[in-house]
Amino acid sequence: MRDSIARALLWVLRLLLPARGKRRAVPAAPVTAPTSRAAWSRPWQGPSAEDARAIFHAEETRSLTPEQRERWWAAAFSEIGVDYDFPTMNITGARSARQGVAA
């Protein structure tokens, strides 16, 4: 009786537990779901060279100061939906004023 119980228990354990050793069965390859094409998979859409050239060489900017010209360029780029940061923007004055304030 004990042998039949032990055999039944081993049979159940072999079904439930994974095989070990060199000769175990190789698991099937996982099935991957098809990937959907995301909006970010396309290259970044920026302004064309002609658009950028027209903005940077506009006649209206020739009489402006460098700071005004920079702001005009930022406004022109924002009209076509492109963010243009101010690389020459002077914000050190604002930073030094904030450092003196105790929080």
PDB file of N, CA and C in Angstrom:
ATOM      1  N   MET A   1       0.823  -1.191   0.000  1.00  0.00           N
ATOM      2  CA  MET A   1       0.000   0.000   0.000  1.00  0.00           C
ATOM      3  C   MET A   1       0.864   1.250   0.000  1.00  0.00           C
ATOM      4  N   ARG A   2       1.959   1.184   0.806  1.00  0.00           N
ATOM      5  CA  ARG A   2       2.819   2.369   0.848  1.00  0.00           C
ATOM      6  C   ARG A   2       3.462   2.634  -0.500  1.00  0.00           C
ATOM      7  N   ASP A   3       3.829   1.611  -1.224  1.00  0.00           N
ATOM      8  CA  ASP A   3       4.462   1.789  -2.531  1.00  0.00           C
ATOM      9  C   ASP A   3       3.505   2.443  -3.520  1.00  0.00           C
ATOM     10  N   SER A   4       2.277   2.045  -3.519  1.00  0.00           N
ATOM     11  CA  SER A   4       1.321   2.640  -4.460  1.00  0.00           C
ATOM     12  C   SER A   4       1.055   4.111  -4.111  1.00  0.00           C
ATOM     13  N   ILE A   5       1.021   4.432  -2.827  1.00  0.00           N
ATOM     14  CA  ILE A   5       0.833   5.832  -2.422  1.00  0.00           C
ATOM     15  C   ILE A   5       2.063   6.652  -2.826  1.00  0.00           C
ATOM     16  N   ALA A   6       3.246   6.098  -2.620  1.00  0.00           N
ATOM     17  CA  ALA A   6       4.479   6.802  -2.981  1.00  0.00           C
ATOM     18  C   ALA A   6       4.557   7.010  -4.486  1.00  0.00           C
ATOM     19  N   ARG A   7       4.192   5.983  -5.271  1.00  0.00           N
ATOM     20  CA  ARG A   7       4.200   6.130  -6.733  1.00  0.00           C
ATOM     21  C   ARG A   7       3.202   7.173  -7.198  1.00  0.00           C
ATOM     22  N   ALA A   8       2.029   7.178  -6.604  1.00  0.00           N
ATOM     23  CA  ALA A   8       1.018   8.173  -6.976  1.00  0.00           C
ATOM     24  C   ALA A   8       1.492   9.585  -6.616  1.00  0.00           C
ATOM     25  N   LEU A   9       2.119   9.699  -5.456  1.00  0.00           N
ATOM     26  CA  LEU A   9       2.633  11.005  -5.047  1.00  0.00           C
ATOM     27  C   LEU A   9       3.752  11.469  -5.977  1.00  0.00           C
ATOM     28  N   LEU A  10       4.667  10.592  -6.354  1.00  0.00           N
ATOM     29  CA  LEU A  10       5.730  10.950  -7.295  1.00  0.00           C
ATOM     30  C   LEU A  10       5.159  11.330  -8.655  1.00  0.00           C
ATOM     31  N   TRP A  11       4.158  10.605  -9.113  1.00  0.00           N
ATOM     32  CA  TRP A  11       3.539  10.909 -10.408  1.00  0.00           C
ATOM     33  C   TRP A  11       2.920  12.311 -10.394  1.00  0.00           C
ATOM     34  N   VAL A  12       2.236  12.655  -9.294  1.00  0.00           N
ATOM     35  CA  VAL A  12       1.622  13.984  -9.179  1.00  0.00           C
ATOM     36  C   VAL A  12       2.701  15.064  -9.112  1.00  0.00           C
ATOM     37  N   LEU A  13       3.766  14.810  -8.361  1.00  0.00           N
ATOM     38  CA  LEU A  13       4.842  15.795  -8.257  1.00  0.00           C
ATOM     39  C   LEU A  13       5.545  16.005  -9.592  1.00  0.00           C
ATOM     40  N   ARG A  14       5.727  14.948 -10.370  1.00  0.00           N
ATOM     41  CA  ARG A  14       6.343  15.094 -11.690  1.00  0.00           C
ATOM     42  C   ARG A  14       5.475  15.920 -12.626  1.00  0.00           C
ATOM     43  N   LEU A  15       4.184  15.822 -12.463  1.00  0.00           N
ATOM     44  CA  LEU A  15       3.291  16.635 -13.292  1.00  0.00           C
ATOM     45  C   LEU A  15       3.345  18.111 -12.889  1.00  0.00           C
ATOM     46  N   LEU A  16       3.432  18.355 -11.594  1.00  0.00           N
ATOM     47  CA  LEU A  16       3.354  19.727 -11.109  1.00  0.00           C
ATOM     48  C   LEU A  16       4.689  20.461 -11.125  1.00  0.00           C
ATOM     49  N   LEU A  17       5.783  19.777 -10.798  1.00  0.00           N
ATOM     50  CA  LEU A  17       7.083  20.427 -10.703  1.00  0.00           C
ATOM     51  C   LEU A  17       7.822  20.327 -12.032  1.00  0.00           C
ATOM     52  N   PRO A  18       8.636  21.325 -12.364  1.00  0.00           N
ATOM     53  CA  PRO A  18       9.373  21.265 -13.628  1.00  0.00           C
ATOM     54  C   PRO A  18      10.476  20.220 -13.561  1.00  0.00           C
ATOM     55  N   ALA A  19      10.842  19.704 -14.720  1.00  0.00           N
ATOM     56  CA  ALA A  19      11.894  18.700 -14.793  1.00  0.00           C
ATOM     57  C   ALA A  19      13.243  19.361 -14.554  1.00  0.00           C
ATOM     58  N   ARG A  20      14.193  18.575 -14.004  1.00  0.00           N
ATOM     59  CA  ARG A  20      15.526  19.094 -13.754  1.00  0.00           C
ATOM     60  C   ARG A  20      16.529  18.184 -14.442  1.00  0.00           C
ATOM     61  N   GLY A  21      17.720  18.732 -14.689  1.00  0.00           N
ATOM     62  CA  GLY A  21      18.776  17.918 -15.267  1.00  0.00           C
ATOM     63  C   GLY A  21      19.003  18.219 -16.735  1.00  0.00           C
ATOM     64  N   LYS A  22      19.925  17.422 -17.347  1.00  0.00           N
ATOM     65  CA  LYS A  22      20.304  17.650 -18.737  1.00  0.00           C
ATOM     66  C   LYS A  22      19.187  17.322 -19.716  1.00  0.00           C
ATOM     67  N   ARG A  23      18.395  16.331 -19.423  1.00  0.00           N
ATOM     68  CA  ARG A  23      17.442  15.821 -20.403  1.00  0.00           C
ATOM     69  C   ARG A  23      16.034  16.354 -20.226  1.00  0.00           C
ATOM     70  N   ARG A  24      15.919  17.462 -19.579  1.00  0.00           N
ATOM     71  CA  ARG A  24      14.575  18.004 -19.391  1.00  0.00           C
ATOM     72  C   ARG A  24      14.075  18.590 -20.705  1.00  0.00           C
ATOM     73  N   ALA A  25      12.817  18.696 -20.824  1.00  0.00           N
ATOM     74  CA  ALA A  25      12.213  19.216 -22.046  1.00  0.00           C
ATOM     75  C   ALA A  25      12.489  20.709 -22.159  1.00  0.00           C
ATOM     76  N   VAL A  26      12.765  21.151 -23.368  1.00  0.00           N
ATOM     77  CA  VAL A  26      13.018  22.567 -23.613  1.00  0.00           C
ATOM     78  C   VAL A  26      11.677  23.286 -23.652  1.00  0.00           C
ATOM     79  N   PRO A  27      11.531  24.367 -22.881  1.00  0.00           N
ATOM     80  CA  PRO A  27      10.250  25.074 -22.900  1.00  0.00           C
ATOM     81  C   PRO A  27      10.017  25.734 -24.261  1.00  0.00           C
ATOM     82  N   ALA A  28       8.775  25.841 -24.598  1.00  0.00           N
ATOM     83  CA  ALA A  28       8.416  26.466 -25.867  1.00  0.00           C
ATOM     84  C   ALA A  28       8.786  27.941 -25.838  1.00  0.00           C
ATOM     85  N   ALA A  29       9.087  28.484 -27.005  1.00  0.00           N
ATOM     86  CA  ALA A  29       9.448  29.901 -27.093  1.00  0.00           C
ATOM     87  C   ALA A  29       8.239  30.753 -26.728  1.00  0.00           C
ATOM     88  N   PRO A  30       8.449  31.812 -25.966  1.00  0.00           N
ATOM     89  CA  PRO A  30       7.311  32.657 -25.588  1.00  0.00           C
ATOM     90  C   PRO A  30       6.737  33.370 -26.816  1.00  0.00           C
ATOM     91  N   VAL A  31       5.450  33.464 -26.829  1.00  0.00           N
ATOM     92  CA  VAL A  31       4.765  34.131 -27.929  1.00  0.00           C
ATOM     93  C   VAL A  31       4.688  35.613 -27.595  1.00  0.00           C
ATOM     94  N   THR A  32       5.228  36.422 -28.475  1.00  0.00           N
ATOM     95  CA  THR A  32       5.195  37.865 -28.248  1.00  0.00           C
ATOM     96  C   THR A  32       3.998  38.468 -28.962  1.00  0.00           C
ATOM     97  N   ALA A  33       3.398  39.416 -28.304  1.00  0.00           N
ATOM     98  CA  ALA A  33       2.258  40.104 -28.903  1.00  0.00           C
ATOM     99  C   ALA A  33       2.767  41.065 -29.969  1.00  0.00           C
ATOM    100  N   PRO A  34       2.032  41.244 -31.034  1.00  0.00           N
ATOM    101  CA  PRO A  34       2.474  42.192 -32.056  1.00  0.00           C
ATOM    102  C   PRO A  34       2.516  43.605 -31.480  1.00  0.00           C
ATOM    103  N   THR A  35       3.599  44.286 -31.757  1.00  0.00           N
ATOM    104  CA  THR A  35       3.756  45.632 -31.225  1.00  0.00           C
ATOM    105  C   THR A  35       3.021  46.626 -32.106  1.00  0.00           C
ATOM    106  N   SER A  36       2.333  47.537 -31.464  1.00  0.00           N
ATOM    107  CA  SER A  36       1.640  48.567 -32.230  1.00  0.00           C
ATOM    108  C   SER A  36       2.613  49.694 -32.517  1.00  0.00           C
ATOM    109  N   ARG A  37       2.414  50.354 -33.605  1.00  0.00           N
ATOM    110  CA  ARG A  37       3.302  51.442 -33.983  1.00  0.00           C
ATOM    111  C   ARG A  37       2.944  52.679 -33.176  1.00  0.00           C
ATOM    112  N   ALA A  38       3.863  53.098 -32.343  1.00  0.00           N
ATOM    113  CA  ALA A  38       3.628  54.255 -31.489  1.00  0.00           C
ATOM    114  C   ALA A  38       3.905  55.543 -32.262  1.00  0.00           C
ATOM    115  N   ALA A  39       3.366  56.625 -31.757  1.00  0.00           N
ATOM    116  CA  ALA A  39       3.578  57.910 -32.408  1.00  0.00           C
ATOM    117  C   ALA A  39       5.038  58.339 -32.314  1.00  0.00           C
ATOM    118  N   TRP A  40       5.762  57.877 -31.285  1.00  0.00           N
ATOM    119  CA  TRP A  40       7.152  58.285 -31.112  1.00  0.00           C
ATOM    120  C   TRP A  40       8.109  57.437 -31.919  1.00  0.00           C
ATOM    121  N   SER A  41       7.629  56.453 -32.673  1.00  0.00           N
ATOM    122  CA  SER A  41       8.536  55.626 -33.450  1.00  0.00           C
ATOM    123  C   SER A  41       9.031  56.344 -34.696  1.00  0.00           C
ATOM    124  N   ARG A  42       8.356  57.392 -35.097  1.00  0.00           N
ATOM    125  CA  ARG A  42       8.810  58.176 -36.245  1.00  0.00           C
ATOM    126  C   ARG A  42       9.890  59.155 -35.801  1.00  0.00           C
ATOM    127  N   PRO A  43      10.750  59.595 -36.721  1.00  0.00           N
ATOM    128  CA  PRO A  43      11.746  60.603 -36.346  1.00  0.00           C
ATOM    129  C   PRO A  43      11.078  61.899 -35.911  1.00  0.00           C
ATOM    130  N   TRP A  44      11.791  62.648 -35.105  1.00  0.00           N
ATOM    131  CA  TRP A  44      11.273  63.907 -34.605  1.00  0.00           C
ATOM    132  C   TRP A  44      11.035  64.850 -35.771  1.00  0.00           C
ATOM    133  N   GLN A  45       9.852  65.435 -35.799  1.00  0.00           N
ATOM    134  CA  GLN A  45       9.505  66.350 -36.874  1.00  0.00           C
ATOM    135  C   GLN A  45       9.863  67.769 -36.468  1.00  0.00           C
ATOM    136  N   GLY A  46      10.903  68.315 -37.032  1.00  0.00           N
ATOM    137  CA  GLY A  46      11.322  69.676 -36.735  1.00  0.00           C
ATOM    138  C   GLY A  46      11.068  70.566 -37.935  1.00  0.00           C
ATOM    139  N   PRO A  47      11.459  71.813 -37.831  1.00  0.00           N
ATOM    140  CA  PRO A  47      11.265  72.712 -38.965  1.00  0.00           C
ATOM    141  C   PRO A  47      12.212  72.341 -40.100  1.00  0.00           C
ATOM    142  N   SER A  48      11.787  72.620 -41.310  1.00  0.00           N
ATOM    143  CA  SER A  48      12.657  72.352 -42.449  1.00  0.00           C
ATOM    144  C   SER A  48      13.767  73.392 -42.490  1.00  0.00           C
ATOM    145  N   ALA A  49      14.767  73.133 -43.295  1.00  0.00           N
ATOM    146  CA  ALA A  49      15.887  74.065 -43.407  1.00  0.00           C
ATOM    147  C   ALA A  49      15.423  75.404 -43.966  1.00  0.00           C
ATOM    148  N   GLU A  50      14.463  75.355 -44.874  1.00  0.00           N
ATOM    149  CA  GLU A  50      13.959  76.603 -45.457  1.00  0.00           C
ATOM    150  C   GLU A  50      13.229  77.440 -44.414  1.00  0.00           C
ATOM    151  N   ASP A  51      12.435  76.779 -43.559  1.00  0.00           N
ATOM    152  CA  ASP A  51      11.721  77.508 -42.501  1.00  0.00           C
ATOM    153  C   ASP A  51      12.699  78.155 -41.521  1.00  0.00           C
ATOM    154  N   ALA A  52      13.697  77.395 -41.094  1.00  0.00           N
ATOM    155  CA  ALA A  52      14.669  77.935 -40.147  1.00  0.00           C
ATOM    156  C   ALA A  52      15.473  79.069 -40.778  1.00  0.00           C
ATOM    157  N   ARG A  53      15.848  78.900 -42.035  1.00  0.00           N
ATOM    158  CA  ARG A  53      16.606  79.945 -42.718  1.00  0.00           C
ATOM    159  C   ARG A  53      15.781  81.215 -42.856  1.00  0.00           C
ATOM    160  N   ALA A  54      14.498  81.065 -43.162  1.00  0.00           N
ATOM    161  CA  ALA A  54      13.629  82.236 -43.296  1.00  0.00           C
ATOM    162  C   ALA A  54      13.470  82.963 -41.965  1.00  0.00           C
ATOM    163  N   ILE A  55      13.423  82.215 -40.874  1.00  0.00           N
ATOM    164  CA  ILE A  55      13.285  82.844 -39.556  1.00  0.00           C
ATOM    165  C   ILE A  55      14.570  83.568 -39.169  1.00  0.00           C
ATOM    166  N   PHE A  56      15.713  82.909 -39.342  1.00  0.00           N
ATOM    167  CA  PHE A  56      16.969  83.507 -38.899  1.00  0.00           C
ATOM    168  C   PHE A  56      17.450  84.653 -39.789  1.00  0.00           C
ATOM    169  N   HIS A  57      17.016  84.687 -41.048  1.00  0.00           N
ATOM    170  CA  HIS A  57      17.456  85.747 -41.961  1.00  0.00           C
ATOM    171  C   HIS A  57      16.337  86.726 -42.293  1.00  0.00           C
ATOM    172  N   ALA A  58      15.373  86.869 -41.423  1.00  0.00           N
ATOM    173  CA  ALA A  58      14.251  87.777 -41.681  1.00  0.00           C
ATOM    174  C   ALA A  58      14.720  89.228 -41.636  1.00  0.00           C
ATOM    175  N   GLU A  59      14.139  90.040 -42.515  1.00  0.00           N
ATOM    176  CA  GLU A  59      14.502  91.462 -42.592  1.00  0.00           C
ATOM    177  C   GLU A  59      14.114  92.216 -41.319  1.00  0.00           C
ATOM    178  N   GLU A  60      13.026  91.802 -40.662  1.00  0.00           N
ATOM    179  CA  GLU A  60      12.545  92.525 -39.484  1.00  0.00           C
ATOM    180  C   GLU A  60      13.534  92.482 -38.327  1.00  0.00           C
ATOM    181  N   THR A  61      14.391  91.485 -38.292  1.00  0.00           N
ATOM    182  CA  THR A  61      15.280  91.311 -37.139  1.00  0.00           C
ATOM    183  C   THR A  61      16.567  92.114 -37.243  1.00  0.00           C
ATOM    184  N   ARG A  62      16.848  92.704 -38.383  1.00  0.00           N
ATOM    185  CA  ARG A  62      18.141  93.387 -38.570  1.00  0.00           C
ATOM    186  C   ARG A  62      18.279  94.627 -37.700  1.00  0.00           C
ATOM    187  N   SER A  63      17.189  95.312 -37.415  1.00  0.00           N
ATOM    188  CA  SER A  63      17.271  96.536 -36.616  1.00  0.00           C
ATOM    189  C   SER A  63      17.077  96.272 -35.117  1.00  0.00           C
ATOM    190  N   LEU A  64      16.873  95.022 -34.724  1.00  0.00           N
ATOM    191  CA  LEU A  64      16.620  94.699 -33.321  1.00  0.00           C
ATOM    192  C   LEU A  64      17.924  94.461 -32.565  1.00  0.00           C
ATOM    193  N   THR A  65      17.857  94.648 -31.263  1.00  0.00           N
ATOM    194  CA  THR A  65      19.007  94.310 -30.416  1.00  0.00           C
ATOM    195  C   THR A  65      19.111  92.785 -30.334  1.00  0.00           C
ATOM    196  N   PRO A  66      20.253  92.248 -29.915  1.00  0.00           N
ATOM    197  CA  PRO A  66      20.381  90.788 -29.837  1.00  0.00           C
ATOM    198  C   PRO A  66      19.327  90.128 -28.949  1.00  0.00           C
ATOM    199  N   GLU A  67      18.968  90.762 -27.831  1.00  0.00           N
ATOM    200  CA  GLU A  67      17.948  90.176 -26.951  1.00  0.00           C
ATOM    201  C   GLU A  67      16.585  90.169 -27.632  1.00  0.00           C
ATOM    202  N   GLN A  68      16.249  91.283 -28.310  1.00  0.00           N
ATOM    203  CA  GLN A  68      14.966  91.349 -29.017  1.00  0.00           C
ATOM    204  C   GLN A  68      14.938  90.357 -30.176  1.00  0.00           C
ATOM    205  N   ARG A  69      16.071  90.225 -30.858  1.00  0.00           N
ATOM    206  CA  ARG A  69      16.156  89.286 -31.980  1.00  0.00           C
ATOM    207  C   ARG A  69      15.939  87.861 -31.488  1.00  0.00           C
ATOM    208  N   GLU A  70      16.524  87.530 -30.355  1.00  0.00           N
ATOM    209  CA  GLU A  70      16.365  86.189 -29.777  1.00  0.00           C
ATOM    210  C   GLU A  70      14.900  85.919 -29.437  1.00  0.00           C
ATOM    211  N   ARG A  71      14.230  86.894 -28.867  1.00  0.00           N
ATOM    212  CA  ARG A  71      12.810  86.738 -28.531  1.00  0.00           C
ATOM    213  C   ARG A  71      11.956  86.651 -29.789  1.00  0.00           C
ATOM    214  N   TRP A  72      12.321  87.403 -30.817  1.00  0.00           N
ATOM    215  CA  TRP A  72      11.573  87.348 -32.074  1.00  0.00           C
ATOM    216  C   TRP A  72      11.712  85.962 -32.695  1.00  0.00           C
ATOM    217  N   TRP A  73      12.931  85.397 -32.671  1.00  0.00           N
ATOM    218  CA  TRP A  73      13.142  84.047 -33.190  1.00  0.00           C
ATOM    219  C   TRP A  73      12.313  83.034 -32.410  1.00  0.00           C
ATOM    220  N   ALA A  74      12.277  83.169 -31.080  1.00  0.00           N
ATOM    221  CA  ALA A  74      11.486  82.244 -30.260  1.00  0.00           C
ATOM    222  C   ALA A  74      10.010  82.345 -30.602  1.00  0.00           C
ATOM    223  N   ALA A  75       9.517  83.571 -30.819  1.00  0.00           N
ATOM    224  CA  ALA A  75       8.106  83.744 -31.186  1.00  0.00           C
ATOM    225  C   ALA A  75       7.830  83.159 -32.562  1.00  0.00           C
ATOM    226  N   ALA A  76       8.749  83.342 -33.499  1.00  0.00           N
ATOM    227  CA  ALA A  76       8.553  82.800 -34.849  1.00  0.00           C
ATOM    228  C   ALA A  76       8.551  81.275 -34.829  1.00  0.00           C
ATOM    229  N   PHE A  77       9.437  80.680 -34.045  1.00  0.00           N
ATOM    230  CA  PHE A  77       9.442  79.222 -33.949  1.00  0.00           C
ATOM    231  C   PHE A  77       8.194  78.710 -33.238  1.00  0.00           C
ATOM    232  N   SER A  78       7.705  79.442 -32.245  1.00  0.00           N
ATOM    233  CA  SER A  78       6.502  78.985 -31.546  1.00  0.00           C
ATOM    234  C   SER A  78       5.280  79.043 -32.453  1.00  0.00           C
ATOM    235  N   GLU A  79       5.283  79.935 -33.437  1.00  0.00           N
ATOM    236  CA  GLU A  79       4.167  79.989 -34.386  1.00  0.00           C
ATOM    237  C   GLU A  79       4.078  78.725 -35.231  1.00  0.00           C
ATOM    238  N   ILE A  80       5.207  78.084 -35.491  1.00  0.00           N
ATOM    239  CA  ILE A  80       5.182  76.842 -36.275  1.00  0.00           C
ATOM    240  C   ILE A  80       5.234  75.604 -35.376  1.00  0.00           C
ATOM    241  N   GLY A  81       5.155  75.806 -34.045  1.00  0.00           N
ATOM    242  CA  GLY A  81       5.044  74.682 -33.117  1.00  0.00           C
ATOM    243  C   GLY A  81       6.351  74.089 -32.660  1.00  0.00           C
ATOM    244  N   VAL A  82       7.427  74.859 -32.664  1.00  0.00           N
ATOM    245  CA  VAL A  82       8.732  74.358 -32.240  1.00  0.00           C
ATOM    246  C   VAL A  82       9.182  75.145 -31.023  1.00  0.00           C
ATOM    247  N   ASP A  83       9.647  74.438 -29.985  1.00  0.00           N
ATOM    248  CA  ASP A  83      10.194  75.118 -28.809  1.00  0.00           C
ATOM    249  C   ASP A  83      11.595  75.612 -29.126  1.00  0.00           C
ATOM    250  N   TYR A  84      11.851  76.849 -28.800  1.00  0.00           N
ATOM    251  CA  TYR A  84      13.172  77.449 -29.005  1.00  0.00           C
ATOM    252  C   TYR A  84      13.579  78.076 -27.691  1.00  0.00           C
ATOM    253  N   ASP A  85      14.611  77.499 -27.057  1.00  0.00           N
ATOM    254  CA  ASP A  85      15.047  78.069 -25.784  1.00  0.00           C
ATOM    255  C   ASP A  85      16.037  79.196 -26.050  1.00  0.00           C
ATOM    256  N   PHE A  86      16.204  80.031 -25.074  1.00  0.00           N
ATOM    257  CA  PHE A  86      17.081  81.184 -25.204  1.00  0.00           C
ATOM    258  C   PHE A  86      18.478  80.799 -24.722  1.00  0.00           C
ATOM    259  N   PRO A  87      19.402  80.471 -25.606  1.00  0.00           N
ATOM    260  CA  PRO A  87      20.741  80.118 -25.126  1.00  0.00           C
ATOM    261  C   PRO A  87      21.496  81.313 -24.566  1.00  0.00           C
ATOM    262  N   THR A  88      21.111  82.523 -24.964  1.00  0.00           N
ATOM    263  CA  THR A  88      21.817  83.712 -24.483  1.00  0.00           C
ATOM    264  C   THR A  88      21.028  84.454 -23.418  1.00  0.00           C
ATOM    265  N   MET A  89      19.965  83.839 -22.918  1.00  0.00           N
ATOM    266  CA  MET A  89      19.133  84.519 -21.928  1.00  0.00           C
ATOM    267  C   MET A  89      19.895  84.670 -20.613  1.00  0.00           C
ATOM    268  N   ASN A  90      19.927  85.864 -20.079  1.00  0.00           N
ATOM    269  CA  ASN A  90      20.649  86.140 -18.841  1.00  0.00           C
ATOM    270  C   ASN A  90      19.685  85.996 -17.667  1.00  0.00           C
ATOM    271  N   ILE A  91      19.814  84.886 -16.936  1.00  0.00           N
ATOM    272  CA  ILE A  91      18.944  84.681 -15.774  1.00  0.00           C
ATOM    273  C   ILE A  91      19.750  84.660 -14.486  1.00  0.00           C
ATOM    274  N   THR A  92      21.015  85.052 -14.547  1.00  0.00           N
ATOM    275  CA  THR A  92      21.824  85.029 -13.325  1.00  0.00           C
ATOM    276  C   THR A  92      21.338  86.070 -12.329  1.00  0.00           C
ATOM    277  N   GLY A  93      20.792  87.191 -12.805  1.00  0.00           N
ATOM    278  CA  GLY A  93      20.265  88.197 -11.891  1.00  0.00           C
ATOM    279  C   GLY A  93      19.095  87.671 -11.092  1.00  0.00           C
ATOM    280  N   ALA A  94      18.225  86.917 -11.733  1.00  0.00           N
ATOM    281  CA  ALA A  94      17.073  86.341 -11.041  1.00  0.00           C
ATOM    282  C   ALA A  94      17.518  85.272 -10.050  1.00  0.00           C
ATOM    283  N   ARG A  95      18.548  84.521 -10.415  1.00  0.00           N
ATOM    284  CA  ARG A  95      19.038  83.481  -9.514  1.00  0.00           C
ATOM    285  C   ARG A  95      19.675  84.087  -8.274  1.00  0.00           C
ATOM    286  N   SER A  96      20.462  85.151  -8.448  1.00  0.00           N
ATOM    287  CA  SER A  96      21.135  85.738  -7.287  1.00  0.00           C
ATOM    288  C   SER A  96      20.139  86.424  -6.359  1.00  0.00           C
ATOM    289  N   ALA A  97      19.048  86.975  -6.899  1.00  0.00           N
ATOM    290  CA  ALA A  97      18.033  87.604  -6.053  1.00  0.00           C
ATOM    291  C   ALA A  97      17.312  86.557  -5.214  1.00  0.00           C
ATOM    292  N   ARG A  98      17.104  85.352  -5.796  1.00  0.00           N
ATOM    293  CA  ARG A  98      16.416  84.298  -5.064  1.00  0.00           C
ATOM    294  C   ARG A  98      17.295  83.688  -3.988  1.00  0.00           C
ATOM    295  N   GLN A  99      18.593  83.681  -4.177  1.00  0.00           N
ATOM    296  CA  GLN A  99      19.485  83.067  -3.197  1.00  0.00           C
ATOM    297  C   GLN A  99      19.528  83.858  -1.898  1.00  0.00           C
ATOM    298  N   GLY A 100      19.296  85.158  -1.959  1.00  0.00           N
ATOM    299  CA  GLY A 100      19.343  85.977  -0.759  1.00  0.00           C
ATOM    300  C   GLY A 100      18.116  85.852   0.114  1.00  0.00           C
ATOM    301  N   VAL A 101      17.053  85.236  -0.397  1.00  0.00           N
ATOM    302  CA  VAL A 101      15.801  85.118   0.352  1.00  0.00           C
ATOM    303  C   VAL A 101      15.868  83.875   1.227  1.00  0.00           C
ATOM    304  N   ALA A 102      15.582  84.035   2.505  1.00  0.00           N
ATOM    305  CA  ALA A 102      15.565  82.888   3.421  1.00  0.00           C
ATOM    306  C   ALA A 102      14.197  82.231   3.367  1.00  0.00           C
ATOM    307  N   ALA A 103      14.204  80.914   3.263  1.00  0.00           N
ATOM    308  CA  ALA A 103      12.931  80.197   3.176  1.00  0.00           C
ATOM    309  C   ALA A 103      12.550  79.611   4.504  1.00  0.00           C
TER     310      ALA A 103
END
